[in-house]
């Protein structure tokens, strides 16, 4: 349901909230173990309403940045990144910039992994 995307069974939401407005960043970590010899492809959808002009959402696999979002989206955007074989951590990090007063919102949805054999 697009009107409340953060209420899905497999969704994540970085909410605007007075208790987190002063934080510099918020993280969502997804630990994964890839049994496929060729690793795989991790897919997700993201909807961004970030605090412009300096907030951002970074996506990391094992501490290596694979994607950065700097601006709002008009709807969900599909994205993907590679995952190596073995244990990995996929981290979505919302970073608050020094020139924005509000903490924006990010919805993450439709997480999917496709192994490469």
N, C-alpha and C. Protein backbone atom coordinates (compact mmCIF):
# COMPACT_ATOMS: atom_id res chain seq x y z
N UNK A 1 0.85 -1.18 0.00
CA UNK A 1 0.00 0.00 0.00
C UNK A 1 0.89 1.24 0.00
N UNK A 2 0.82 2.04 -1.03
CA UNK A 2 1.68 3.21 -1.16
C UNK A 2 1.39 4.32 -0.18
N UNK A 3 0.21 4.34 0.45
CA UNK A 3 -0.10 5.42 1.38
C UNK A 3 0.62 5.27 2.71
N UNK A 4 0.92 4.04 3.10
CA UNK A 4 1.66 3.78 4.34
C UNK A 4 2.74 2.74 4.08
N UNK A 5 3.76 3.09 3.25
CA UNK A 5 4.72 2.07 2.84
C UNK A 5 5.52 1.48 4.00
N UNK A 6 5.62 2.18 5.11
CA UNK A 6 6.42 1.69 6.22
C UNK A 6 5.67 0.67 7.07
N UNK A 7 4.44 0.34 6.72
CA UNK A 7 3.67 -0.62 7.51
C UNK A 7 3.67 -2.02 6.90
N UNK A 8 4.47 -2.25 5.86
CA UNK A 8 4.52 -3.56 5.23
C UNK A 8 5.21 -4.58 6.11
N UNK A 9 5.00 -5.85 5.82
CA UNK A 9 5.61 -6.91 6.61
C UNK A 9 7.12 -6.95 6.49
N UNK A 10 7.66 -6.55 5.36
CA UNK A 10 9.09 -6.63 5.13
C UNK A 10 9.65 -5.27 4.76
N UNK A 11 9.26 -4.24 5.49
CA UNK A 11 9.69 -2.87 5.22
C UNK A 11 10.51 -2.35 6.39
N UNK A 12 11.30 -1.33 6.12
CA UNK A 12 12.04 -0.63 7.17
C UNK A 12 11.82 0.85 6.95
N UNK A 13 11.78 1.62 8.03
CA UNK A 13 11.47 3.04 7.95
C UNK A 13 12.37 3.80 8.91
N UNK A 14 13.06 4.81 8.40
CA UNK A 14 13.81 5.73 9.25
C UNK A 14 12.89 6.91 9.51
N UNK A 15 12.24 6.98 10.69
CA UNK A 15 11.20 7.99 10.91
C UNK A 15 11.74 9.34 11.37
N UNK A 16 11.00 10.42 11.05
CA UNK A 16 11.31 11.70 11.67
C UNK A 16 10.76 11.67 13.09
N UNK A 17 11.54 12.08 14.04
CA UNK A 17 11.14 11.92 15.42
C UNK A 17 12.00 12.85 16.27
N UNK A 18 11.41 13.57 17.21
CA UNK A 18 12.17 14.52 18.03
C UNK A 18 13.31 13.85 18.78
N UNK A 19 13.15 12.60 19.15
CA UNK A 19 14.19 11.93 19.94
C UNK A 19 15.42 11.59 19.11
N UNK A 20 15.30 11.58 17.78
CA UNK A 20 16.46 11.27 16.95
C UNK A 20 16.91 12.46 16.10
N UNK A 21 16.21 13.57 16.18
CA UNK A 21 16.50 14.69 15.30
C UNK A 21 17.91 15.24 15.50
N UNK A 22 18.49 15.07 16.67
CA UNK A 22 19.82 15.62 16.92
C UNK A 22 20.93 14.62 16.61
N UNK A 23 20.59 13.38 16.29
CA UNK A 23 21.61 12.39 15.96
C UNK A 23 22.23 12.70 14.61
N UNK A 24 23.49 12.32 14.45
CA UNK A 24 24.17 12.53 13.18
C UNK A 24 23.82 11.44 12.17
N UNK A 25 23.51 10.23 12.64
CA UNK A 25 23.17 9.16 11.70
C UNK A 25 22.33 8.10 12.39
N UNK A 26 21.65 7.31 11.55
CA UNK A 26 20.89 6.13 12.00
C UNK A 26 21.26 5.00 11.08
N UNK A 27 21.41 3.80 11.61
CA UNK A 27 21.80 2.65 10.80
C UNK A 27 20.75 1.56 10.85
N UNK A 28 20.62 0.84 9.74
CA UNK A 28 19.87 -0.40 9.67
C UNK A 28 20.84 -1.43 9.11
N UNK A 29 21.14 -2.47 9.88
CA UNK A 29 22.08 -3.49 9.46
C UNK A 29 21.35 -4.79 9.20
N UNK A 30 21.58 -5.38 8.03
CA UNK A 30 20.99 -6.66 7.65
C UNK A 30 22.11 -7.68 7.49
N UNK A 31 22.30 -8.58 8.47
CA UNK A 31 23.32 -9.61 8.30
C UNK A 31 22.83 -10.69 7.34
N UNK A 32 23.67 -11.07 6.39
CA UNK A 32 23.31 -12.12 5.43
C UNK A 32 24.46 -13.10 5.31
N UNK A 33 24.14 -14.34 5.01
CA UNK A 33 25.14 -15.35 4.70
C UNK A 33 24.83 -15.89 3.32
N UNK A 34 25.80 -15.81 2.43
CA UNK A 34 25.63 -16.22 1.04
C UNK A 34 26.31 -17.56 0.84
N UNK A 35 25.52 -18.59 0.56
CA UNK A 35 26.07 -19.93 0.36
C UNK A 35 26.44 -20.19 -1.09
N UNK A 36 25.98 -19.37 -2.01
CA UNK A 36 26.27 -19.59 -3.43
C UNK A 36 27.74 -19.28 -3.71
N UNK A 37 28.41 -20.14 -4.45
CA UNK A 37 29.83 -19.97 -4.74
C UNK A 37 30.13 -18.67 -5.48
N UNK A 38 29.20 -18.22 -6.28
CA UNK A 38 29.41 -16.99 -7.04
C UNK A 38 28.92 -15.75 -6.35
N UNK A 39 28.53 -15.84 -5.07
CA UNK A 39 27.96 -14.68 -4.39
C UNK A 39 26.55 -14.43 -4.85
N UNK A 40 26.18 -13.18 -4.91
CA UNK A 40 24.82 -12.90 -5.34
C UNK A 40 24.55 -11.43 -5.54
N UNK A 41 23.30 -11.15 -5.77
CA UNK A 41 22.82 -9.79 -6.03
C UNK A 41 21.73 -9.49 -5.01
N UNK A 42 21.92 -8.43 -4.24
CA UNK A 42 20.95 -7.99 -3.25
C UNK A 42 20.16 -6.84 -3.86
N UNK A 43 18.83 -6.95 -3.85
CA UNK A 43 17.97 -5.92 -4.44
C UNK A 43 17.07 -5.31 -3.38
N UNK A 44 16.70 -4.06 -3.59
CA UNK A 44 15.78 -3.38 -2.68
C UNK A 44 15.11 -2.24 -3.43
N UNK A 45 14.07 -1.69 -2.80
CA UNK A 45 13.42 -0.47 -3.29
C UNK A 45 13.53 0.57 -2.18
N UNK A 46 13.70 1.81 -2.56
CA UNK A 46 13.86 2.88 -1.58
C UNK A 46 13.01 4.08 -2.00
N UNK A 47 12.36 4.68 -1.00
CA UNK A 47 11.61 5.93 -1.19
C UNK A 47 12.26 6.95 -0.27
N UNK A 48 12.69 8.09 -0.82
CA UNK A 48 13.46 9.07 -0.06
C UNK A 48 12.73 10.38 0.11
N UNK A 49 12.66 10.85 1.34
CA UNK A 49 12.19 12.20 1.67
C UNK A 49 13.21 12.74 2.65
N UNK A 50 14.43 12.98 2.14
CA UNK A 50 15.54 13.32 3.01
C UNK A 50 15.62 14.82 3.25
N UNK A 51 16.31 15.19 4.32
CA UNK A 51 16.49 16.60 4.65
C UNK A 51 17.48 17.23 3.70
N UNK A 52 16.98 17.98 2.75
CA UNK A 52 17.85 18.63 1.77
C UNK A 52 18.45 19.88 2.40
N UNK A 53 19.62 20.36 2.06
CA UNK A 53 20.41 19.91 0.93
C UNK A 53 21.54 18.95 1.28
N UNK A 54 21.74 18.62 2.55
CA UNK A 54 22.99 17.92 2.86
C UNK A 54 22.83 16.54 3.51
N UNK A 55 21.61 16.06 3.76
CA UNK A 55 21.46 14.71 4.29
C UNK A 55 21.68 13.70 3.18
N UNK A 56 22.01 12.46 3.56
CA UNK A 56 22.20 11.43 2.55
C UNK A 56 21.92 10.06 3.13
N UNK A 57 21.69 9.11 2.25
CA UNK A 57 21.53 7.71 2.61
C UNK A 57 22.64 6.94 1.90
N UNK A 58 23.49 6.28 2.68
CA UNK A 58 24.55 5.46 2.12
C UNK A 58 24.22 3.99 2.29
N UNK A 59 24.58 3.17 1.30
CA UNK A 59 24.38 1.73 1.35
C UNK A 59 25.75 1.08 1.29
N UNK A 60 26.02 0.21 2.27
CA UNK A 60 27.34 -0.41 2.42
C UNK A 60 27.19 -1.93 2.46
N UNK A 61 28.13 -2.63 1.86
CA UNK A 61 28.27 -4.08 2.01
C UNK A 61 29.64 -4.31 2.59
N UNK A 62 29.67 -4.86 3.82
CA UNK A 62 30.94 -5.10 4.52
C UNK A 62 31.82 -3.86 4.53
N UNK A 63 31.25 -2.75 4.95
CA UNK A 63 31.94 -1.47 5.12
C UNK A 63 32.41 -0.82 3.82
N UNK A 64 32.01 -1.35 2.67
CA UNK A 64 32.34 -0.71 1.41
C UNK A 64 31.07 -0.07 0.85
N UNK A 65 31.14 1.23 0.61
CA UNK A 65 29.97 1.95 0.10
C UNK A 65 29.70 1.54 -1.35
N UNK A 66 28.45 1.12 -1.60
CA UNK A 66 28.09 0.71 -2.95
C UNK A 66 27.10 1.66 -3.61
N UNK A 67 26.44 2.50 -2.81
CA UNK A 67 25.48 3.44 -3.38
C UNK A 67 25.24 4.57 -2.38
N UNK A 68 25.02 5.78 -2.91
CA UNK A 68 24.71 6.94 -2.08
C UNK A 68 23.56 7.71 -2.71
N UNK A 69 22.59 8.09 -1.88
CA UNK A 69 21.44 8.89 -2.33
C UNK A 69 21.54 10.27 -1.69
N UNK A 70 21.44 11.33 -2.53
CA UNK A 70 21.56 12.70 -2.04
C UNK A 70 20.28 13.51 -2.17
N UNK A 71 19.28 12.97 -2.87
CA UNK A 71 18.08 13.77 -3.13
C UNK A 71 16.81 12.94 -2.96
N UNK A 72 15.69 13.62 -2.92
CA UNK A 72 14.40 12.97 -2.75
C UNK A 72 13.99 12.22 -4.01
N UNK A 73 13.11 11.25 -3.84
CA UNK A 73 12.56 10.54 -4.99
C UNK A 73 11.07 10.83 -5.06
N UNK A 74 10.50 10.69 -6.25
CA UNK A 74 9.07 10.93 -6.41
C UNK A 74 8.26 9.65 -6.18
N UNK A 75 8.93 8.57 -5.89
CA UNK A 75 8.31 7.28 -5.61
C UNK A 75 9.41 6.30 -5.27
N UNK A 76 9.06 5.03 -5.27
CA UNK A 76 10.07 4.02 -4.99
C UNK A 76 11.06 3.89 -6.15
N UNK A 77 12.33 3.75 -5.83
CA UNK A 77 13.40 3.57 -6.80
C UNK A 77 14.00 2.19 -6.57
N UNK A 78 14.16 1.41 -7.63
CA UNK A 78 14.77 0.08 -7.52
C UNK A 78 16.29 0.21 -7.56
N UNK A 79 16.98 -0.62 -6.78
CA UNK A 79 18.44 -0.60 -6.74
C UNK A 79 18.95 -1.98 -6.40
N UNK A 80 20.25 -2.19 -6.60
CA UNK A 80 20.85 -3.48 -6.28
C UNK A 80 22.35 -3.28 -6.01
N UNK A 81 22.94 -4.29 -5.40
CA UNK A 81 24.37 -4.29 -5.15
C UNK A 81 24.87 -5.72 -5.04
N UNK A 82 26.16 -5.94 -5.32
CA UNK A 82 26.73 -7.29 -5.26
C UNK A 82 27.03 -7.70 -3.82
N UNK A 83 26.92 -9.01 -3.56
CA UNK A 83 27.28 -9.57 -2.26
C UNK A 83 28.19 -10.77 -2.51
N UNK A 84 29.34 -10.79 -1.84
CA UNK A 84 30.31 -11.88 -2.00
C UNK A 84 29.86 -13.12 -1.24
N UNK A 85 30.41 -14.30 -1.58
CA UNK A 85 30.09 -15.53 -0.82
C UNK A 85 30.53 -15.40 0.63
N UNK A 86 29.82 -16.08 1.54
CA UNK A 86 30.14 -16.05 2.97
C UNK A 86 29.25 -15.08 3.73
N UNK A 87 29.66 -14.76 4.95
CA UNK A 87 28.89 -13.86 5.81
C UNK A 87 29.16 -12.40 5.44
N UNK A 88 28.11 -11.60 5.39
CA UNK A 88 28.23 -10.18 5.05
C UNK A 88 27.24 -9.38 5.87
N UNK A 89 27.51 -8.10 6.00
CA UNK A 89 26.56 -7.16 6.59
C UNK A 89 26.21 -6.11 5.55
N UNK A 90 24.92 -5.92 5.34
CA UNK A 90 24.43 -4.87 4.46
C UNK A 90 23.91 -3.76 5.37
N UNK A 91 24.45 -2.56 5.21
CA UNK A 91 24.12 -1.46 6.11
C UNK A 91 23.53 -0.31 5.31
N UNK A 92 22.38 0.17 5.75
CA UNK A 92 21.78 1.39 5.23
C UNK A 92 22.01 2.45 6.30
N UNK A 93 22.73 3.52 5.96
CA UNK A 93 23.07 4.56 6.94
C UNK A 93 22.52 5.90 6.49
N UNK A 94 21.59 6.43 7.30
CA UNK A 94 21.07 7.78 7.05
C UNK A 94 21.96 8.74 7.82
N UNK A 95 22.58 9.69 7.10
CA UNK A 95 23.48 10.65 7.73
C UNK A 95 22.89 12.05 7.64
N UNK A 96 22.75 12.66 8.81
CA UNK A 96 22.20 14.01 8.87
C UNK A 96 23.32 15.01 8.59
N UNK A 97 23.06 15.91 7.65
CA UNK A 97 24.04 16.93 7.30
C UNK A 97 24.01 18.10 8.27
N UNK A 98 25.05 18.94 8.25
CA UNK A 98 25.14 20.05 9.20
C UNK A 98 24.20 21.22 8.90
N UNK A 99 23.60 21.25 7.71
CA UNK A 99 22.80 22.41 7.33
C UNK A 99 21.31 22.14 7.25
N UNK A 100 20.84 21.01 7.78
CA UNK A 100 19.41 20.72 7.76
C UNK A 100 18.89 20.63 9.18
N UNK A 101 17.70 21.19 9.39
CA UNK A 101 17.12 21.19 10.72
C UNK A 101 16.27 19.95 10.98
N UNK A 102 15.64 19.42 9.94
CA UNK A 102 14.77 18.26 10.14
C UNK A 102 15.50 16.98 9.75
N UNK A 103 15.10 15.89 10.37
CA UNK A 103 15.59 14.58 9.97
C UNK A 103 14.60 14.03 8.96
N UNK A 104 15.06 13.70 7.78
CA UNK A 104 14.17 13.22 6.74
C UNK A 104 13.70 11.80 7.00
N UNK A 105 13.01 11.26 6.01
CA UNK A 105 12.46 9.90 6.11
C UNK A 105 12.94 9.07 4.93
N UNK A 106 13.17 7.80 5.19
CA UNK A 106 13.53 6.85 4.14
C UNK A 106 12.75 5.58 4.37
N UNK A 107 12.11 5.06 3.32
CA UNK A 107 11.43 3.77 3.40
C UNK A 107 12.20 2.78 2.55
N UNK A 108 12.50 1.62 3.12
CA UNK A 108 13.18 0.54 2.40
C UNK A 108 12.21 -0.62 2.31
N UNK A 109 12.10 -1.21 1.13
CA UNK A 109 11.10 -2.25 0.93
C UNK A 109 11.57 -3.24 -0.12
N UNK A 110 10.88 -4.36 -0.21
CA UNK A 110 11.10 -5.39 -1.24
C UNK A 110 12.54 -5.89 -1.27
N UNK A 111 13.08 -6.23 -0.11
CA UNK A 111 14.42 -6.82 -0.05
C UNK A 111 14.40 -8.19 -0.74
N UNK A 112 15.38 -8.42 -1.61
CA UNK A 112 15.42 -9.69 -2.31
C UNK A 112 16.89 -10.04 -2.60
N UNK A 113 17.19 -11.32 -2.52
CA UNK A 113 18.54 -11.78 -2.82
C UNK A 113 18.47 -12.82 -3.94
N UNK A 114 19.31 -12.66 -4.94
CA UNK A 114 19.40 -13.62 -6.03
C UNK A 114 20.81 -14.20 -6.06
N UNK A 115 20.96 -15.50 -5.75
CA UNK A 115 22.30 -16.10 -5.78
C UNK A 115 22.82 -16.25 -7.21
N UNK A 116 24.13 -16.15 -7.33
CA UNK A 116 24.81 -16.37 -8.61
C UNK A 116 25.61 -17.66 -8.47
N UNK A 117 25.36 -18.65 -9.32
CA UNK A 117 26.04 -19.94 -9.20
C UNK A 117 27.19 -20.05 -10.16
